[in-house]
Amino acid sequence: MKPTKQIVPLAVGLSWTTGGVFQQKMDGKSAILATDGGGLAGENVGGVFTAFDCVAWKGQDVRGLPLRERLVMRDELCAAAQIPIVPEVTSEGGKFLESILNAGGEGAVFKSWDSTYFAQMMACKRLETWICRVAGFNGGCQSVRIADATSGAERGNLPLFGGRCDRVRVGSLVKVEGFGLHRSGLVREPRVCKDTAESWLVKF
């Protein structure tokens, strides 16, 4: 199947499932949709392009307009191009967040109907903690490889800035916090626990 490309003037989200490969331009004004029936050459990736906002309409920058107006534009663009959109939730936000977390998602974001594209979003995420064992050091950077202290399952890389790398060794126990686990079992955005200044180092 010959690869096809389509320029889409939308802000994008990416869900790593099956389908095409999508790349967003650095200026945020458009995205390139590339589909070749199984990923780009040499890349074993796929995804579903999902639009959550609109940044350009009929050649005009609309990022300064209220969100409620941009979403009308997004819906019309997506309907014409048959692109899925992120559904909005205007009530029972707690139940919506719970359903996302139960499905293994990281969380949800909130933005006012009257906000511009540049307004900051508020994120709601579930913060969890684990006791992990230092499994090794990453040469040339201030981070270590960690594994679950009980099961031994790999949990990813943990940044240890501010001299913390010098305060652990292989086998040390550290308290780690993050936004749940990826499907791979790695911690999402791992960091040392911030309960207290010293609570991260459980055992040297």
N, C-alpha and C. Protein backbone atom coordinates (compact mmCIF):
# COMPACT_ATOMS: atom_id res chain seq x y z
N MET A 1 0.84 -1.19 0.00
CA MET A 1 0.00 0.00 0.00
C MET A 1 0.88 1.24 0.00
N LYS A 2 0.63 2.18 -0.87
CA LYS A 2 1.44 3.38 -0.97
C LYS A 2 1.13 4.34 0.19
N PRO A 3 2.16 4.86 0.89
CA PRO A 3 1.91 5.79 1.99
C PRO A 3 1.17 7.02 1.52
N THR A 4 0.26 7.51 2.34
CA THR A 4 -0.47 8.73 2.04
C THR A 4 -0.25 9.74 3.15
N LYS A 5 -0.32 11.03 2.81
CA LYS A 5 -0.15 12.07 3.81
C LYS A 5 -1.26 13.09 3.69
N GLN A 6 -1.67 13.61 4.82
CA GLN A 6 -2.71 14.61 4.84
C GLN A 6 -2.34 15.65 5.89
N ILE A 7 -2.35 16.94 5.53
CA ILE A 7 -2.06 18.00 6.48
C ILE A 7 -3.35 18.35 7.22
N VAL A 8 -3.32 18.24 8.52
CA VAL A 8 -4.50 18.46 9.34
C VAL A 8 -4.24 19.61 10.32
N PRO A 9 -4.98 20.73 10.24
CA PRO A 9 -4.72 21.87 11.12
C PRO A 9 -5.34 21.67 12.50
N LEU A 10 -4.82 20.72 13.24
CA LEU A 10 -5.38 20.37 14.54
C LEU A 10 -4.28 20.13 15.54
N ALA A 11 -4.56 20.40 16.80
CA ALA A 11 -3.71 19.91 17.86
C ALA A 11 -4.04 18.43 18.01
N VAL A 12 -3.06 17.61 18.33
CA VAL A 12 -3.30 16.17 18.29
C VAL A 12 -2.96 15.47 19.59
N GLY A 13 -3.60 14.33 19.76
CA GLY A 13 -3.24 13.40 20.81
C GLY A 13 -2.93 12.09 20.12
N LEU A 14 -2.22 11.18 20.78
CA LEU A 14 -1.83 9.93 20.14
C LEU A 14 -2.10 8.76 21.07
N SER A 15 -2.81 7.80 20.58
CA SER A 15 -3.08 6.58 21.33
C SER A 15 -2.36 5.43 20.64
N TRP A 16 -1.43 4.80 21.33
CA TRP A 16 -0.62 3.76 20.68
C TRP A 16 -1.38 2.46 20.61
N THR A 17 -2.17 2.32 19.54
CA THR A 17 -2.89 1.07 19.32
C THR A 17 -2.51 0.54 17.95
N THR A 18 -3.40 0.61 17.00
CA THR A 18 -3.08 0.15 15.64
C THR A 18 -3.51 1.20 14.63
N GLY A 19 -2.91 1.18 13.48
CA GLY A 19 -3.30 2.12 12.45
C GLY A 19 -2.12 2.88 11.89
N GLY A 20 -2.26 4.18 11.72
CA GLY A 20 -1.22 4.98 11.11
C GLY A 20 -0.24 5.55 12.11
N VAL A 21 0.72 6.29 11.60
CA VAL A 21 1.73 6.95 12.42
C VAL A 21 1.54 8.44 12.26
N PHE A 22 1.55 9.18 13.35
CA PHE A 22 1.23 10.59 13.29
C PHE A 22 2.34 11.41 13.94
N GLN A 23 2.66 12.54 13.33
CA GLN A 23 3.71 13.41 13.84
C GLN A 23 3.16 14.83 13.89
N GLN A 24 3.40 15.53 14.99
CA GLN A 24 2.95 16.90 15.10
C GLN A 24 4.12 17.84 14.84
N LYS A 25 3.88 18.87 14.03
CA LYS A 25 4.93 19.85 13.76
C LYS A 25 5.24 20.62 15.03
N MET A 26 6.47 21.10 15.14
CA MET A 26 6.90 21.79 16.34
C MET A 26 6.10 23.06 16.61
N ASP A 27 5.59 23.70 15.57
CA ASP A 27 4.84 24.94 15.80
C ASP A 27 3.42 24.69 16.28
N GLY A 28 3.02 23.43 16.32
CA GLY A 28 1.71 23.08 16.84
C GLY A 28 0.55 23.44 15.93
N LYS A 29 0.82 23.98 14.73
CA LYS A 29 -0.26 24.44 13.87
C LYS A 29 -0.85 23.35 12.99
N SER A 30 -0.10 22.29 12.78
CA SER A 30 -0.64 21.22 11.94
C SER A 30 0.03 19.91 12.28
N ALA A 31 -0.53 18.85 11.78
CA ALA A 31 0.05 17.53 12.00
C ALA A 31 0.08 16.80 10.67
N ILE A 32 1.06 15.95 10.51
CA ILE A 32 1.15 15.15 9.29
C ILE A 32 0.66 13.74 9.61
N LEU A 33 -0.36 13.35 8.91
CA LEU A 33 -0.90 12.00 9.06
C LEU A 33 -0.28 11.13 7.98
N ALA A 34 0.48 10.12 8.39
CA ALA A 34 1.12 9.23 7.43
C ALA A 34 0.61 7.81 7.67
N THR A 35 0.06 7.21 6.66
CA THR A 35 -0.49 5.87 6.79
C THR A 35 0.10 4.97 5.72
N ASP A 36 0.64 3.84 6.14
CA ASP A 36 1.14 2.91 5.14
C ASP A 36 0.72 1.48 5.46
N GLY A 37 -0.33 1.34 6.26
CA GLY A 37 -0.86 0.01 6.54
C GLY A 37 -0.08 -0.75 7.60
N GLY A 38 0.82 -0.11 8.32
CA GLY A 38 1.53 -0.83 9.36
C GLY A 38 2.70 -0.06 9.92
N GLY A 39 2.71 1.22 9.81
CA GLY A 39 3.80 2.00 10.38
C GLY A 39 4.76 2.47 9.31
N LEU A 40 5.59 3.44 9.66
CA LEU A 40 6.59 3.93 8.73
C LEU A 40 7.68 2.90 8.52
N ALA A 41 8.38 2.99 7.41
CA ALA A 41 9.43 2.03 7.10
C ALA A 41 10.47 2.01 8.23
N GLY A 42 10.79 0.82 8.69
CA GLY A 42 11.81 0.67 9.72
C GLY A 42 11.31 0.94 11.12
N GLU A 43 10.01 1.26 11.29
CA GLU A 43 9.48 1.55 12.62
C GLU A 43 8.32 0.61 12.92
N ASN A 44 8.40 -0.05 14.05
CA ASN A 44 7.34 -0.97 14.46
C ASN A 44 6.40 -0.24 15.41
N VAL A 45 5.71 0.78 14.90
CA VAL A 45 4.79 1.57 15.73
C VAL A 45 3.49 1.77 14.98
N GLY A 46 2.47 2.13 15.72
CA GLY A 46 1.19 2.44 15.11
C GLY A 46 0.41 3.32 16.06
N GLY A 47 -0.66 3.90 15.59
CA GLY A 47 -1.41 4.77 16.49
C GLY A 47 -2.74 5.17 15.91
N VAL A 48 -3.56 5.75 16.76
CA VAL A 48 -4.83 6.31 16.34
C VAL A 48 -4.77 7.80 16.58
N PHE A 49 -4.93 8.57 15.53
CA PHE A 49 -4.88 10.02 15.60
C PHE A 49 -6.18 10.52 16.23
N THR A 50 -6.07 11.29 17.31
CA THR A 50 -7.23 11.81 18.00
C THR A 50 -7.08 13.29 18.20
N ALA A 51 -8.04 14.07 17.72
CA ALA A 51 -7.94 15.53 17.81
C ALA A 51 -8.64 16.04 19.07
N PHE A 52 -7.95 16.88 19.83
CA PHE A 52 -8.58 17.43 21.03
C PHE A 52 -8.78 18.94 20.94
N ASP A 53 -8.30 19.57 19.88
CA ASP A 53 -8.44 21.02 19.76
C ASP A 53 -8.26 21.41 18.30
N CYS A 54 -8.53 22.67 17.98
CA CYS A 54 -8.32 23.21 16.65
C CYS A 54 -7.49 24.48 16.78
N VAL A 55 -6.45 24.61 15.99
CA VAL A 55 -5.57 25.78 16.10
C VAL A 55 -5.62 26.67 14.87
N ALA A 56 -6.19 26.17 13.77
CA ALA A 56 -6.29 26.97 12.54
C ALA A 56 -7.61 26.68 11.86
N TRP A 57 -8.26 27.74 11.33
CA TRP A 57 -9.55 27.59 10.68
C TRP A 57 -9.59 28.48 9.44
N LYS A 58 -9.74 27.86 8.26
CA LYS A 58 -9.78 28.58 6.99
C LYS A 58 -8.61 29.55 6.83
N GLY A 59 -7.42 29.02 7.19
CA GLY A 59 -6.20 29.79 7.02
C GLY A 59 -5.91 30.79 8.11
N GLN A 60 -6.75 30.87 9.13
CA GLN A 60 -6.56 31.83 10.21
C GLN A 60 -6.19 31.13 11.51
N ASP A 61 -5.28 31.74 12.28
CA ASP A 61 -4.90 31.24 13.60
C ASP A 61 -6.05 31.52 14.57
N VAL A 62 -6.63 30.48 15.13
CA VAL A 62 -7.78 30.66 16.03
C VAL A 62 -7.44 30.32 17.48
N ARG A 63 -6.16 30.24 17.80
CA ARG A 63 -5.78 29.85 19.15
C ARG A 63 -6.19 30.87 20.21
N GLY A 64 -6.47 32.10 19.81
CA GLY A 64 -6.90 33.11 20.77
C GLY A 64 -8.39 33.11 21.04
N LEU A 65 -9.16 32.30 20.31
CA LEU A 65 -10.61 32.21 20.51
C LEU A 65 -10.93 31.30 21.70
N PRO A 66 -12.13 31.44 22.28
CA PRO A 66 -12.53 30.55 23.39
C PRO A 66 -12.59 29.10 22.94
N LEU A 67 -12.34 28.22 23.87
CA LEU A 67 -12.36 26.78 23.59
C LEU A 67 -13.68 26.35 22.99
N ARG A 68 -14.81 26.87 23.48
CA ARG A 68 -16.12 26.45 22.99
C ARG A 68 -16.25 26.70 21.48
N GLU A 69 -15.64 27.78 20.98
CA GLU A 69 -15.69 28.09 19.55
C GLU A 69 -14.73 27.20 18.76
N ARG A 70 -13.55 26.97 19.32
CA ARG A 70 -12.57 26.13 18.62
C ARG A 70 -13.06 24.69 18.48
N LEU A 71 -13.81 24.20 19.46
CA LEU A 71 -14.30 22.82 19.38
C LEU A 71 -15.34 22.66 18.28
N VAL A 72 -16.14 23.68 18.02
CA VAL A 72 -17.10 23.62 16.91
C VAL A 72 -16.33 23.50 15.59
N MET A 73 -15.25 24.27 15.46
CA MET A 73 -14.42 24.21 14.26
C MET A 73 -13.75 22.84 14.14
N ARG A 74 -13.22 22.34 15.27
CA ARG A 74 -12.59 21.02 15.26
C ARG A 74 -13.56 19.95 14.81
N ASP A 75 -14.77 19.97 15.35
CA ASP A 75 -15.75 18.95 15.00
C ASP A 75 -16.07 18.95 13.51
N GLU A 76 -16.15 20.15 12.92
CA GLU A 76 -16.45 20.23 11.49
C GLU A 76 -15.28 19.70 10.66
N LEU A 77 -14.05 20.06 11.04
CA LEU A 77 -12.87 19.56 10.34
C LEU A 77 -12.77 18.04 10.44
N CYS A 78 -13.00 17.53 11.64
CA CYS A 78 -12.85 16.09 11.86
C CYS A 78 -13.95 15.30 11.15
N ALA A 79 -15.14 15.85 11.12
CA ALA A 79 -16.23 15.15 10.43
C ALA A 79 -15.92 15.02 8.95
N ALA A 80 -15.35 16.09 8.36
CA ALA A 80 -15.02 16.06 6.94
C ALA A 80 -13.89 15.09 6.64
N ALA A 81 -12.92 14.99 7.56
CA ALA A 81 -11.76 14.12 7.34
C ALA A 81 -11.90 12.76 8.01
N GLN A 82 -13.03 12.51 8.67
CA GLN A 82 -13.30 11.26 9.38
C GLN A 82 -12.20 10.96 10.40
N ILE A 83 -11.91 11.96 11.21
CA ILE A 83 -10.89 11.85 12.26
C ILE A 83 -11.59 11.77 13.61
N PRO A 84 -11.25 10.81 14.46
CA PRO A 84 -11.88 10.73 15.78
C PRO A 84 -11.48 11.90 16.66
N ILE A 85 -12.37 12.26 17.59
CA ILE A 85 -12.11 13.36 18.49
C ILE A 85 -12.14 12.88 19.94
N VAL A 86 -11.56 13.66 20.83
CA VAL A 86 -11.63 13.38 22.25
C VAL A 86 -12.97 13.92 22.76
N PRO A 87 -13.83 13.09 23.30
CA PRO A 87 -15.14 13.58 23.76
C PRO A 87 -14.98 14.45 25.00
N GLU A 88 -15.80 15.51 25.08
CA GLU A 88 -15.76 16.38 26.24
C GLU A 88 -16.74 15.86 27.29
N VAL A 89 -16.41 16.10 28.54
CA VAL A 89 -17.29 15.74 29.65
C VAL A 89 -17.60 17.01 30.41
N THR A 90 -18.87 17.36 30.48
CA THR A 90 -19.25 18.62 31.13
C THR A 90 -19.90 18.40 32.48
N SER A 91 -20.17 17.16 32.85
CA SER A 91 -20.75 16.87 34.16
C SER A 91 -20.22 15.53 34.64
N GLU A 92 -20.35 15.28 35.92
CA GLU A 92 -19.89 14.04 36.54
C GLU A 92 -18.43 13.77 36.20
N GLY A 93 -17.61 14.80 36.35
CA GLY A 93 -16.19 14.67 36.05
C GLY A 93 -15.49 13.62 36.89
N GLY A 94 -15.96 13.44 38.14
CA GLY A 94 -15.36 12.44 39.02
C GLY A 94 -15.54 11.03 38.49
N LYS A 95 -16.73 10.74 38.00
CA LYS A 95 -17.00 9.41 37.44
C LYS A 95 -16.18 9.18 36.17
N PHE A 96 -16.05 10.26 35.37
CA PHE A 96 -15.26 10.14 34.14
C PHE A 96 -13.81 9.83 34.48
N LEU A 97 -13.23 10.57 35.44
CA LEU A 97 -11.84 10.33 35.85
C LEU A 97 -11.67 8.91 36.38
N GLU A 98 -12.62 8.45 37.17
CA GLU A 98 -12.55 7.09 37.72
C GLU A 98 -12.54 6.05 36.61
N SER A 99 -13.38 6.28 35.57
CA SER A 99 -13.42 5.31 34.47
C SER A 99 -12.10 5.29 33.71
N ILE A 100 -11.47 6.45 33.55
CA ILE A 100 -10.18 6.51 32.87
C ILE A 100 -9.12 5.75 33.66
N LEU A 101 -9.06 5.98 34.96
CA LEU A 101 -8.07 5.31 35.80
C LEU A 101 -8.31 3.80 35.84
N ASN A 102 -9.57 3.39 35.93
CA ASN A 102 -9.89 1.95 35.96
C ASN A 102 -9.52 1.26 34.66
N ALA A 103 -9.51 2.02 33.56
CA ALA A 103 -9.16 1.44 32.26
C ALA A 103 -7.65 1.44 32.03
N GLY A 104 -6.89 1.91 33.04
CA GLY A 104 -5.44 1.93 32.91
C GLY A 104 -4.88 3.23 32.40
N GLY A 105 -5.73 4.26 32.26
CA GLY A 105 -5.26 5.55 31.81
C GLY A 105 -4.49 6.30 32.89
N GLU A 106 -3.82 7.35 32.47
CA GLU A 106 -2.99 8.13 33.38
C GLU A 106 -3.80 9.18 34.14
N GLY A 107 -4.84 9.73 33.52
CA GLY A 107 -5.64 10.75 34.18
C GLY A 107 -6.42 11.56 33.16
N ALA A 108 -6.85 12.74 33.56
CA ALA A 108 -7.63 13.61 32.69
C ALA A 108 -7.20 15.05 32.92
N VAL A 109 -7.58 15.92 31.99
CA VAL A 109 -7.25 17.34 32.11
C VAL A 109 -8.52 18.18 32.04
N PHE A 110 -8.46 19.36 32.64
CA PHE A 110 -9.60 20.26 32.68
C PHE A 110 -9.20 21.61 32.10
N LYS A 111 -10.09 22.18 31.30
CA LYS A 111 -9.87 23.49 30.73
C LYS A 111 -11.20 24.22 30.64
N SER A 112 -11.22 25.52 30.95
CA SER A 112 -12.44 26.30 30.92
C SER A 112 -12.94 26.47 29.49
N TRP A 113 -14.29 26.51 29.32
CA TRP A 113 -14.88 26.72 28.01
C TRP A 113 -14.44 28.04 27.40
N ASP A 114 -14.13 29.03 28.25
CA ASP A 114 -13.77 30.36 27.77
C ASP A 114 -12.27 30.56 27.58
N SER A 115 -11.48 29.53 27.81
CA SER A 115 -10.02 29.67 27.76
C SER A 115 -9.49 29.65 26.32
N THR A 116 -8.37 30.32 26.12
CA THR A 116 -7.69 30.28 24.83
C THR A 116 -6.85 29.01 24.75
N TYR A 117 -6.27 28.77 23.59
CA TYR A 117 -5.40 27.60 23.42
C TYR A 117 -4.20 27.66 24.35
N PHE A 118 -3.77 28.89 24.69
CA PHE A 118 -2.55 29.07 25.47
C PHE A 118 -2.78 28.94 26.98
N ALA A 119 -4.03 28.90 27.41
CA ALA A 119 -4.32 28.79 28.84
C ALA A 119 -3.86 27.44 29.37
N GLN A 120 -3.40 27.43 30.58
CA GLN A 120 -2.89 26.20 31.18
C GLN A 120 -4.02 25.25 31.53
N MET A 121 -3.80 23.96 31.30
CA MET A 121 -4.76 22.94 31.67
C MET A 121 -4.47 22.48 33.09
N MET A 122 -5.51 22.05 33.77
CA MET A 122 -5.35 21.44 35.09
C MET A 122 -5.41 19.93 34.91
N ALA A 123 -4.41 19.23 35.44
CA ALA A 123 -4.34 17.78 35.28
C ALA A 123 -4.76 17.08 36.57
N CYS A 124 -5.50 16.00 36.42
CA CYS A 124 -5.89 15.14 37.54
C CYS A 124 -5.29 13.77 37.29
N LYS A 125 -4.34 13.39 38.15
CA LYS A 125 -3.67 12.10 37.99
C LYS A 125 -3.63 11.37 39.33
N ARG A 126 -3.48 10.07 39.26
CA ARG A 126 -3.39 9.26 40.48
C ARG A 126 -1.91 9.06 40.82
N LEU A 127 -1.51 9.52 42.00
CA LEU A 127 -0.13 9.38 42.43
C LEU A 127 -0.01 8.14 43.31
N GLU A 128 0.90 7.24 42.94
CA GLU A 128 1.12 6.01 43.70
C GLU A 128 2.58 5.93 44.13
N THR A 129 2.84 5.09 45.12
CA THR A 129 4.22 4.90 45.60
C THR A 129 4.59 3.42 45.60
N TRP A 130 5.88 3.16 45.44
CA TRP A 130 6.43 1.80 45.46
C TRP A 130 7.75 1.82 46.22
N ILE A 131 8.06 0.72 46.85
CA ILE A 131 9.40 0.51 47.41
C ILE A 131 10.18 -0.27 46.36
N CYS A 132 11.26 0.32 45.88
CA CYS A 132 12.05 -0.31 44.82
C CYS A 132 13.49 -0.51 45.25
N ARG A 133 14.13 -1.46 44.59
CA ARG A 133 15.54 -1.75 44.84
C ARG A 133 16.38 -1.21 43.68
N VAL A 134 17.50 -0.58 44.01
CA VAL A 134 18.41 -0.09 42.98
C VAL A 134 19.04 -1.30 42.30
N ALA A 135 18.82 -1.42 40.99
CA ALA A 135 19.33 -2.57 40.25
C ALA A 135 20.62 -2.26 39.50
N GLY A 136 20.93 -0.98 39.33
CA GLY A 136 22.16 -0.61 38.61
C GLY A 136 22.20 0.89 38.39
N PHE A 137 23.37 1.35 37.97
CA PHE A 137 23.57 2.78 37.69
C PHE A 137 23.62 3.01 36.18
N ASN A 138 23.10 4.14 35.76
CA ASN A 138 23.17 4.53 34.35
C ASN A 138 24.38 5.45 34.18
N GLY A 139 25.38 4.98 33.50
CA GLY A 139 26.61 5.75 33.34
C GLY A 139 26.41 7.08 32.65
N GLY A 140 27.07 8.10 33.16
CA GLY A 140 27.04 9.41 32.52
C GLY A 140 25.82 10.25 32.83
N CYS A 141 24.92 9.77 33.67
CA CYS A 141 23.76 10.59 34.05
C CYS A 141 23.38 10.27 35.49
N GLN A 142 22.67 11.18 36.10
CA GLN A 142 22.29 11.03 37.50
C GLN A 142 20.98 10.24 37.62
N SER A 143 21.04 8.96 37.31
CA SER A 143 19.86 8.11 37.43
C SER A 143 20.28 6.67 37.65
N VAL A 144 19.34 5.89 38.20
CA VAL A 144 19.59 4.47 38.45
C VAL A 144 18.47 3.65 37.86
N ARG A 145 18.73 2.38 37.60
CA ARG A 145 17.69 1.44 37.20
C ARG A 145 17.07 0.87 38.47
N ILE A 146 15.75 0.75 38.47
CA ILE A 146 15.06 0.26 39.66
C ILE A 146 14.19 -0.94 39.34
N ALA A 147 13.95 -1.75 40.39
CA ALA A 147 13.09 -2.93 40.27
C ALA A 147 12.23 -3.00 41.52
N ASP A 148 11.04 -3.58 41.41
CA ASP A 148 10.16 -3.73 42.55
C ASP A 148 10.85 -4.55 43.63
N ALA A 149 10.83 -4.05 44.86
CA ALA A 149 11.56 -4.71 45.95
C ALA A 149 10.99 -6.07 46.28
N THR A 150 9.70 -6.29 46.03
CA THR A 150 9.07 -7.57 46.36
C THR A 150 9.11 -8.56 45.21
N SER A 151 8.64 -8.13 44.04
CA SER A 151 8.54 -9.05 42.91
C SER A 151 9.79 -9.10 42.04
N GLY A 152 10.61 -8.05 42.11
CA GLY A 152 11.80 -7.98 41.26
C GLY A 152 11.52 -7.47 39.86
N ALA A 153 10.24 -7.13 39.58
CA ALA A 153 9.87 -6.64 38.25
C ALA A 153 10.55 -5.30 37.97
N GLU A 154 11.02 -5.13 36.73
CA GLU A 154 11.66 -3.88 36.34
C GLU A 154 10.67 -2.73 36.41
N ARG A 155 11.11 -1.59 36.95
CA ARG A 155 10.24 -0.42 37.08
C ARG A 155 10.77 0.80 36.34
N GLY A 156 11.89 0.67 35.63
CA GLY A 156 12.39 1.77 34.81
C GLY A 156 13.60 2.47 35.40
N ASN A 157 13.78 3.73 35.02
CA ASN A 157 14.92 4.54 35.47
C ASN A 157 14.44 5.62 36.42
N LEU A 158 15.19 5.84 37.48
CA LEU A 158 14.83 6.84 38.49
C LEU A 158 15.88 7.94 38.54
N PRO A 159 15.50 9.19 38.22
CA PRO A 159 16.46 10.29 38.33
C PRO A 159 16.83 10.52 39.79
N LEU A 160 18.10 10.72 40.05
CA LEU A 160 18.58 11.00 41.41
C LEU A 160 19.50 12.21 41.37
N PHE A 161 18.89 13.38 41.30
CA PHE A 161 19.66 14.62 41.20
C PHE A 161 20.09 15.11 42.58
N GLY A 162 20.89 16.16 42.59
CA GLY A 162 21.30 16.80 43.84
C GLY A 162 22.18 15.93 44.72
N GLY A 163 23.02 15.09 44.10
CA GLY A 163 23.92 14.25 44.89
C GLY A 163 23.31 12.97 45.42
N ARG A 164 22.05 12.71 45.08
CA ARG A 164 21.41 11.50 45.60
C ARG A 164 22.04 10.23 45.07
N CYS A 165 22.60 10.28 43.84
CA CYS A 165 23.25 9.09 43.28
C CYS A 165 24.38 8.61 44.17
N ASP A 166 25.05 9.54 44.83
CA ASP A 166 26.17 9.20 45.69
C ASP A 166 25.72 8.57 47.01
N ARG A 167 24.43 8.60 47.28
CA ARG A 167 23.91 8.12 48.56
C ARG A 167 23.25 6.75 48.46
N VAL A 168 23.36 6.12 47.28
CA VAL A 168 22.80 4.78 47.12
C VAL A 168 23.84 3.85 46.50
N ARG A 169 23.56 2.59 46.59
CA ARG A 169 24.38 1.56 45.94
C ARG A 169 23.42 0.52 45.38
N VAL A 170 23.94 -0.43 44.60
CA VAL A 170 23.10 -1.51 44.09
C VAL A 170 22.58 -2.30 45.29
N GLY A 171 21.28 -2.45 45.35
CA GLY A 171 20.65 -3.12 46.48
C GLY A 171 19.95 -2.18 47.44
N SER A 172 20.25 -0.89 47.37
CA SER A 172 19.58 0.08 48.23
C SER A 172 18.08 0.09 47.95
N LEU A 173 17.28 0.35 48.99
CA LEU A 173 15.84 0.47 48.83
C LEU A 173 15.46 1.95 48.81
N VAL A 174 14.66 2.32 47.82
CA VAL A 174 14.21 3.71 47.69
C VAL A 174 12.70 3.73 47.53
N LYS A 175 12.09 4.81 48.05
CA LYS A 175 10.66 4.99 47.91
C LYS A 175 10.42 5.85 46.68
N VAL A 176 9.64 5.33 45.74
CA VAL A 176 9.44 5.97 44.44
C VAL A 176 7.96 6.33 44.30
N GLU A 177 7.69 7.49 43.71
CA GLU A 177 6.31 7.85 43.41
C GLU A 177 6.18 8.11 41.91
N GLY A 178 4.97 7.90 41.40
CA GLY A 178 4.71 8.11 39.98
C GLY A 178 3.22 8.01 39.71
N PHE A 179 2.85 8.23 38.45
CA PHE A 179 1.44 8.26 38.07
C PHE A 179 1.00 6.90 37.54
N GLY A 180 1.09 5.88 38.36
CA GLY A 180 0.68 4.54 37.96
C GLY A 180 1.75 3.84 37.15
N LEU A 181 1.39 2.69 36.59
CA LEU A 181 2.30 1.89 35.79
C LEU A 181 1.87 1.86 34.33
N HIS A 182 2.86 1.87 33.44
CA HIS A 182 2.58 1.62 32.03
C HIS A 182 2.19 0.15 31.88
N ARG A 183 1.63 -0.19 30.73
CA ARG A 183 1.29 -1.60 30.49
C ARG A 183 2.53 -2.50 30.57
N SER A 184 3.70 -1.89 30.31
CA SER A 184 4.95 -2.64 30.37
C SER A 184 5.38 -2.91 31.81
N GLY A 185 4.75 -2.25 32.77
CA GLY A 185 5.12 -2.42 34.17
C GLY A 185 6.05 -1.34 34.69
N LEU A 186 6.49 -0.43 33.80
CA LEU A 186 7.37 0.66 34.22
C LEU A 186 6.55 1.78 34.86
N VAL A 187 7.16 2.48 35.82
CA VAL A 187 6.48 3.57 36.51
C VAL A 187 6.36 4.78 35.57
N ARG A 188 5.18 5.40 35.55
CA ARG A 188 4.99 6.62 34.77
C ARG A 188 5.60 7.81 35.52
N GLU A 189 6.54 8.47 34.88
CA GLU A 189 7.21 9.66 35.43
C GLU A 189 7.73 9.41 36.85
N PRO A 190 8.61 8.43 37.02
CA PRO A 190 9.10 8.11 38.37
C PRO A 190 9.96 9.22 38.96
N ARG A 191 9.86 9.39 40.26
CA ARG A 191 10.69 10.36 41.00
C ARG A 191 10.77 9.90 42.44
N VAL A 192 11.74 10.41 43.16
CA VAL A 192 11.86 10.03 44.56
C VAL A 192 10.66 10.58 45.32
N CYS A 193 10.18 9.82 46.31
CA CYS A 193 9.00 10.21 47.08
C CYS A 193 9.29 11.50 47.84
N LYS A 194 8.30 12.39 47.88
CA LYS A 194 8.49 13.70 48.51
C LYS A 194 7.75 13.83 49.84
N ASP A 195 7.46 12.69 50.51
CA ASP A 195 6.78 12.77 51.81
C ASP A 195 7.53 13.71 52.74
N THR A 196 8.83 13.46 52.84
CA THR A 196 9.72 14.34 53.61
C THR A 196 11.02 14.43 52.83
N ALA A 197 11.91 15.29 53.27
CA ALA A 197 13.17 15.48 52.55
C ALA A 197 13.99 14.20 52.50
N GLU A 198 13.86 13.33 53.49
CA GLU A 198 14.69 12.13 53.56
C GLU A 198 13.93 10.83 53.32
N SER A 199 12.62 10.90 53.08
CA SER A 199 11.83 9.66 53.05
C SER A 199 12.12 8.78 51.85
N TRP A 200 12.77 9.32 50.83
CA TRP A 200 13.01 8.54 49.62
C TRP A 200 13.98 7.39 49.85
N LEU A 201 14.98 7.59 50.71
CA LEU A 201 15.99 6.54 50.94
C LEU A 201 15.55 5.69 52.12
N VAL A 202 15.05 4.48 51.82
CA VAL A 202 14.54 3.60 52.85
C VAL A 202 15.66 2.83 53.52
N LYS A 203 16.59 2.31 52.71
CA LYS A 203 17.70 1.53 53.26
C LYS A 203 18.90 1.65 52.35
N PHE A 204 20.04 1.97 52.93
CA PHE A 204 21.25 2.07 52.14
C PHE A 204 21.77 0.68 51.79
